[in-house]
């Protein structure tokens, strides 16, 4: 019990403080204009989460990403981008990263990390408006 009180508790308090400070300094994304969007906030959240799920962990579901992004208008894409926000990304695992060690990326950062150059070109052909 003494070990928990004298050693583990201060470590947990310090770790909590560090995580709180890191969240405070989390890189804010530049919000994109959603004027003209025809999807609801719930739909944007669902698509953003589906994109994340297609990129999370080992392997990327490129077909799912292309399907989700292929027919979007620019305002609808912007709403999804804003909903995605930023998430820490681990280059080695291609998954959610560690706030202490990894980059905090927006949707474009995740897409550029998960898709090859040829896949980005394919996405540009499928829906060039999201790149403007």
C-alpha atoms as a PDB file:
ATOM      1  CA  UNK A   1       0.000   0.000   0.000  1.00  0.00           C
ATOM      2  CA  UNK A   2       2.862   2.345   0.829  1.00  0.00           C
ATOM      3  CA  UNK A   3       4.384   1.658  -2.605  1.00  0.00           C
ATOM      4  CA  UNK A   4       1.143   2.674  -4.321  1.00  0.00           C
ATOM      5  CA  UNK A   5       0.854   5.853  -2.317  1.00  0.00           C
ATOM      6  CA  UNK A   6       4.495   6.941  -2.542  1.00  0.00           C
ATOM      7  CA  UNK A   7       5.442   5.806  -6.044  1.00  0.00           C
ATOM      8  CA  UNK A   8       2.533   4.979  -8.294  1.00  0.00           C
ATOM      9  CA  UNK A   9       0.231   7.834  -7.320  1.00  0.00           C
ATOM     10  CA  UNK A  10       2.754  10.620  -8.157  1.00  0.00           C
ATOM     11  CA  UNK A  11       3.502   8.934 -11.486  1.00  0.00           C
ATOM     12  CA  UNK A  12      -0.202   8.781 -12.354  1.00  0.00           C
ATOM     13  CA  UNK A  13      -0.672  12.424 -11.365  1.00  0.00           C
ATOM     14  CA  UNK A  14       2.304  13.478 -13.493  1.00  0.00           C
ATOM     15  CA  UNK A  15       1.086  11.443 -16.467  1.00  0.00           C
ATOM     16  CA  UNK A  16      -2.376  12.978 -16.187  1.00  0.00           C
ATOM     17  CA  UNK A  17      -0.862  16.467 -16.073  1.00  0.00           C
ATOM     18  CA  UNK A  18       1.289  15.817 -19.163  1.00  0.00           C
ATOM     19  CA  UNK A  19      -1.668  14.482 -21.172  1.00  0.00           C
ATOM     20  CA  UNK A  20      -3.813  17.462 -20.122  1.00  0.00           C
ATOM     21  CA  UNK A  21      -1.102  19.907 -21.205  1.00  0.00           C
ATOM     22  CA  UNK A  22      -0.659  18.122 -24.547  1.00  0.00           C
ATOM     23  CA  UNK A  23      -4.379  18.272 -25.230  1.00  0.00           C
ATOM     24  CA  UNK A  24      -4.321  21.987 -24.475  1.00  0.00           C
ATOM     25  CA  UNK A  25      -1.595  22.519 -27.096  1.00  0.00           C
ATOM     26  CA  UNK A  26      -3.174  20.207 -29.670  1.00  0.00           C
ATOM     27  CA  UNK A  27      -2.726  21.728 -33.110  1.00  0.00           C
ATOM     28  CA  UNK A  28      -6.039  23.292 -34.128  1.00  0.00           C
ATOM     29  CA  UNK A  29      -7.188  22.630 -37.658  1.00  0.00           C
ATOM     30  CA  UNK A  30      -8.147  25.419 -39.973  1.00  0.00           C
ATOM     31  CA  UNK A  31     -11.889  25.061 -40.307  1.00  0.00           C
ATOM     32  CA  UNK A  32     -12.967  24.903 -43.934  1.00  0.00           C
ATOM     33  CA  UNK A  33     -16.095  26.633 -45.212  1.00  0.00           C
ATOM     34  CA  UNK A  34     -19.175  24.442 -45.004  1.00  0.00           C
ATOM     35  CA  UNK A  35     -21.426  26.952 -46.798  1.00  0.00           C
ATOM     36  CA  UNK A  36     -23.551  25.036 -49.281  1.00  0.00           C
ATOM     37  CA  UNK A  37     -23.136  21.666 -47.595  1.00  0.00           C
ATOM     38  CA  UNK A  38     -26.111  19.356 -48.036  1.00  0.00           C
ATOM     39  CA  UNK A  39     -25.181  16.748 -45.442  1.00  0.00           C
ATOM     40  CA  UNK A  40     -26.051  16.859 -41.771  1.00  0.00           C
ATOM     41  CA  UNK A  41     -23.524  17.029 -38.967  1.00  0.00           C
ATOM     42  CA  UNK A  42     -24.401  13.426 -38.086  1.00  0.00           C
ATOM     43  CA  UNK A  43     -23.728  12.327 -41.679  1.00  0.00           C
ATOM     44  CA  UNK A  44     -20.406  14.201 -41.710  1.00  0.00           C
ATOM     45  CA  UNK A  45     -19.441  12.589 -38.392  1.00  0.00           C
ATOM     46  CA  UNK A  46     -20.377   9.140 -39.717  1.00  0.00           C
ATOM     47  CA  UNK A  47     -18.340   9.570 -42.917  1.00  0.00           C
ATOM     48  CA  UNK A  48     -15.367  11.004 -40.993  1.00  0.00           C
ATOM     49  CA  UNK A  49     -15.446   8.025 -38.610  1.00  0.00           C
ATOM     50  CA  UNK A  50     -15.790   5.622 -41.554  1.00  0.00           C
ATOM     51  CA  UNK A  51     -12.722   7.187 -43.200  1.00  0.00           C
ATOM     52  CA  UNK A  52     -10.806   6.845 -39.949  1.00  0.00           C
ATOM     53  CA  UNK A  53     -11.869   3.207 -39.652  1.00  0.00           C
ATOM     54  CA  UNK A  54     -10.685   2.566 -43.234  1.00  0.00           C
ATOM     55  CA  UNK A  55      -7.225   3.910 -42.337  1.00  0.00           C
ATOM     56  CA  UNK A  56      -6.863   2.768 -38.734  1.00  0.00           C
ATOM     57  CA  UNK A  57      -4.400  -0.012 -37.845  1.00  0.00           C
ATOM     58  CA  UNK A  58      -2.526  -2.262 -40.238  1.00  0.00           C
ATOM     59  CA  UNK A  59      -3.763  -2.141 -43.798  1.00  0.00           C
ATOM     60  CA  UNK A  60      -5.827   0.493 -45.509  1.00  0.00           C
ATOM     61  CA  UNK A  61      -9.229  -0.052 -47.111  1.00  0.00           C
ATOM     62  CA  UNK A  62      -8.553   2.056 -50.210  1.00  0.00           C
ATOM     63  CA  UNK A  63     -11.797   0.979 -51.878  1.00  0.00           C
ATOM     64  CA  UNK A  64     -13.774   2.277 -48.879  1.00  0.00           C
ATOM     65  CA  UNK A  65     -11.904   5.599 -48.936  1.00  0.00           C
ATOM     66  CA  UNK A  66     -12.545   6.019 -52.680  1.00  0.00           C
ATOM     67  CA  UNK A  67     -16.201   5.100 -52.219  1.00  0.00           C
ATOM     68  CA  UNK A  68     -16.676   7.602 -49.387  1.00  0.00           C
ATOM     69  CA  UNK A  69     -14.907  10.485 -51.160  1.00  0.00           C
ATOM     70  CA  UNK A  70     -15.752   9.940 -54.826  1.00  0.00           C
ATOM     71  CA  UNK A  71     -19.058  11.821 -55.135  1.00  0.00           C
ATOM     72  CA  UNK A  72     -18.708  14.619 -52.608  1.00  0.00           C
ATOM     73  CA  UNK A  73     -19.143  18.289 -53.305  1.00  0.00           C
ATOM     74  CA  UNK A  74     -16.465  20.602 -51.941  1.00  0.00           C
ATOM     75  CA  UNK A  75     -18.732  21.944 -49.132  1.00  0.00           C
ATOM     76  CA  UNK A  76     -19.674  18.393 -48.107  1.00  0.00           C
ATOM     77  CA  UNK A  77     -16.015  17.336 -48.099  1.00  0.00           C
ATOM     78  CA  UNK A  78     -15.174  20.407 -46.011  1.00  0.00           C
ATOM     79  CA  UNK A  79     -17.798  19.440 -43.443  1.00  0.00           C
ATOM     80  CA  UNK A  80     -16.345  15.922 -43.236  1.00  0.00           C
ATOM     81  CA  UNK A  81     -12.817  17.349 -42.969  1.00  0.00           C
ATOM     82  CA  UNK A  82     -13.903  19.596 -40.098  1.00  0.00           C
ATOM     83  CA  UNK A  83     -15.642  16.672 -38.411  1.00  0.00           C
ATOM     84  CA  UNK A  84     -12.524  14.474 -38.729  1.00  0.00           C
ATOM     85  CA  UNK A  85     -10.470  17.069 -36.847  1.00  0.00           C
ATOM     86  CA  UNK A  86      -6.958  15.931 -35.957  1.00  0.00           C
ATOM     87  CA  UNK A  87      -5.787  12.620 -34.636  1.00  0.00           C
ATOM     88  CA  UNK A  88      -2.354  11.440 -33.602  1.00  0.00           C
ATOM     89  CA  UNK A  89      -0.790   9.195 -36.237  1.00  0.00           C
ATOM     90  CA  UNK A  90       1.921   6.582 -35.800  1.00  0.00           C
ATOM     91  CA  UNK A  91       3.922   6.144 -39.025  1.00  0.00           C
ATOM     92  CA  UNK A  92       5.141   2.636 -38.151  1.00  0.00           C
ATOM     93  CA  UNK A  93       1.756   1.114 -37.421  1.00  0.00           C
ATOM     94  CA  UNK A  94      -0.487   3.365 -39.504  1.00  0.00           C
ATOM     95  CA  UNK A  95      -2.769   3.747 -36.542  1.00  0.00           C
ATOM     96  CA  UNK A  96      -3.718   6.106 -33.757  1.00  0.00           C
ATOM     97  CA  UNK A  97      -0.536   7.467 -32.282  1.00  0.00           C
ATOM     98  CA  UNK A  98       0.887   8.540 -28.985  1.00  0.00           C
ATOM     99  CA  UNK A  99       0.444  12.230 -28.065  1.00  0.00           C
ATOM    100  CA  UNK A 100       3.994  12.278 -26.712  1.00  0.00           C
ATOM    101  CA  UNK A 101       5.697  10.831 -29.780  1.00  0.00           C
ATOM    102  CA  UNK A 102       3.595  11.096 -32.917  1.00  0.00           C
ATOM    103  CA  UNK A 103       2.242  13.698 -35.319  1.00  0.00           C
ATOM    104  CA  UNK A 104      -1.201  15.201 -34.923  1.00  0.00           C
ATOM    105  CA  UNK A 105      -2.666  15.007 -38.440  1.00  0.00           C
ATOM    106  CA  UNK A 106      -5.811  16.267 -40.092  1.00  0.00           C
ATOM    107  CA  UNK A 107      -7.737  14.254 -42.700  1.00  0.00           C
ATOM    108  CA  UNK A 108      -5.345  15.265 -45.492  1.00  0.00           C
ATOM    109  CA  UNK A 109      -2.393  14.186 -43.364  1.00  0.00           C
ATOM    110  CA  UNK A 110      -3.949  10.781 -42.735  1.00  0.00           C
ATOM    111  CA  UNK A 111      -4.841  10.351 -46.426  1.00  0.00           C
ATOM    112  CA  UNK A 112      -1.328  11.314 -47.542  1.00  0.00           C
ATOM    113  CA  UNK A 113       0.163   8.902 -45.015  1.00  0.00           C
ATOM    114  CA  UNK A 114      -2.121   5.991 -45.860  1.00  0.00           C
ATOM    115  CA  UNK A 115      -2.419   6.269 -49.655  1.00  0.00           C
ATOM    116  CA  UNK A 116       0.364   5.905 -52.187  1.00  0.00           C
ATOM    117  CA  UNK A 117       1.076   8.607 -54.756  1.00  0.00           C
ATOM    118  CA  UNK A 118      -0.772   6.596 -57.399  1.00  0.00           C
ATOM    119  CA  UNK A 119      -3.785   6.196 -55.100  1.00  0.00           C
ATOM    120  CA  UNK A 120      -3.862   9.951 -54.464  1.00  0.00           C
ATOM    121  CA  UNK A 121      -3.829  10.475 -58.263  1.00  0.00           C
ATOM    122  CA  UNK A 122      -6.677   7.979 -58.610  1.00  0.00           C
ATOM    123  CA  UNK A 123      -8.652   9.871 -55.975  1.00  0.00           C
ATOM    124  CA  UNK A 124      -7.956  13.124 -57.842  1.00  0.00           C
ATOM    125  CA  UNK A 125      -9.452  11.555 -60.975  1.00  0.00           C
ATOM    126  CA  UNK A 126     -12.480  10.259 -59.068  1.00  0.00           C
ATOM    127  CA  UNK A 127     -13.235  13.593 -57.423  1.00  0.00           C
ATOM    128  CA  UNK A 128     -11.038  16.533 -58.411  1.00  0.00           C
ATOM    129  CA  UNK A 129     -13.212  19.119 -56.612  1.00  0.00           C
ATOM    130  CA  UNK A 130     -12.054  18.031 -53.159  1.00  0.00           C
ATOM    131  CA  UNK A 131      -8.498  19.004 -54.130  1.00  0.00           C
ATOM    132  CA  UNK A 132      -9.393  22.617 -54.997  1.00  0.00           C
END
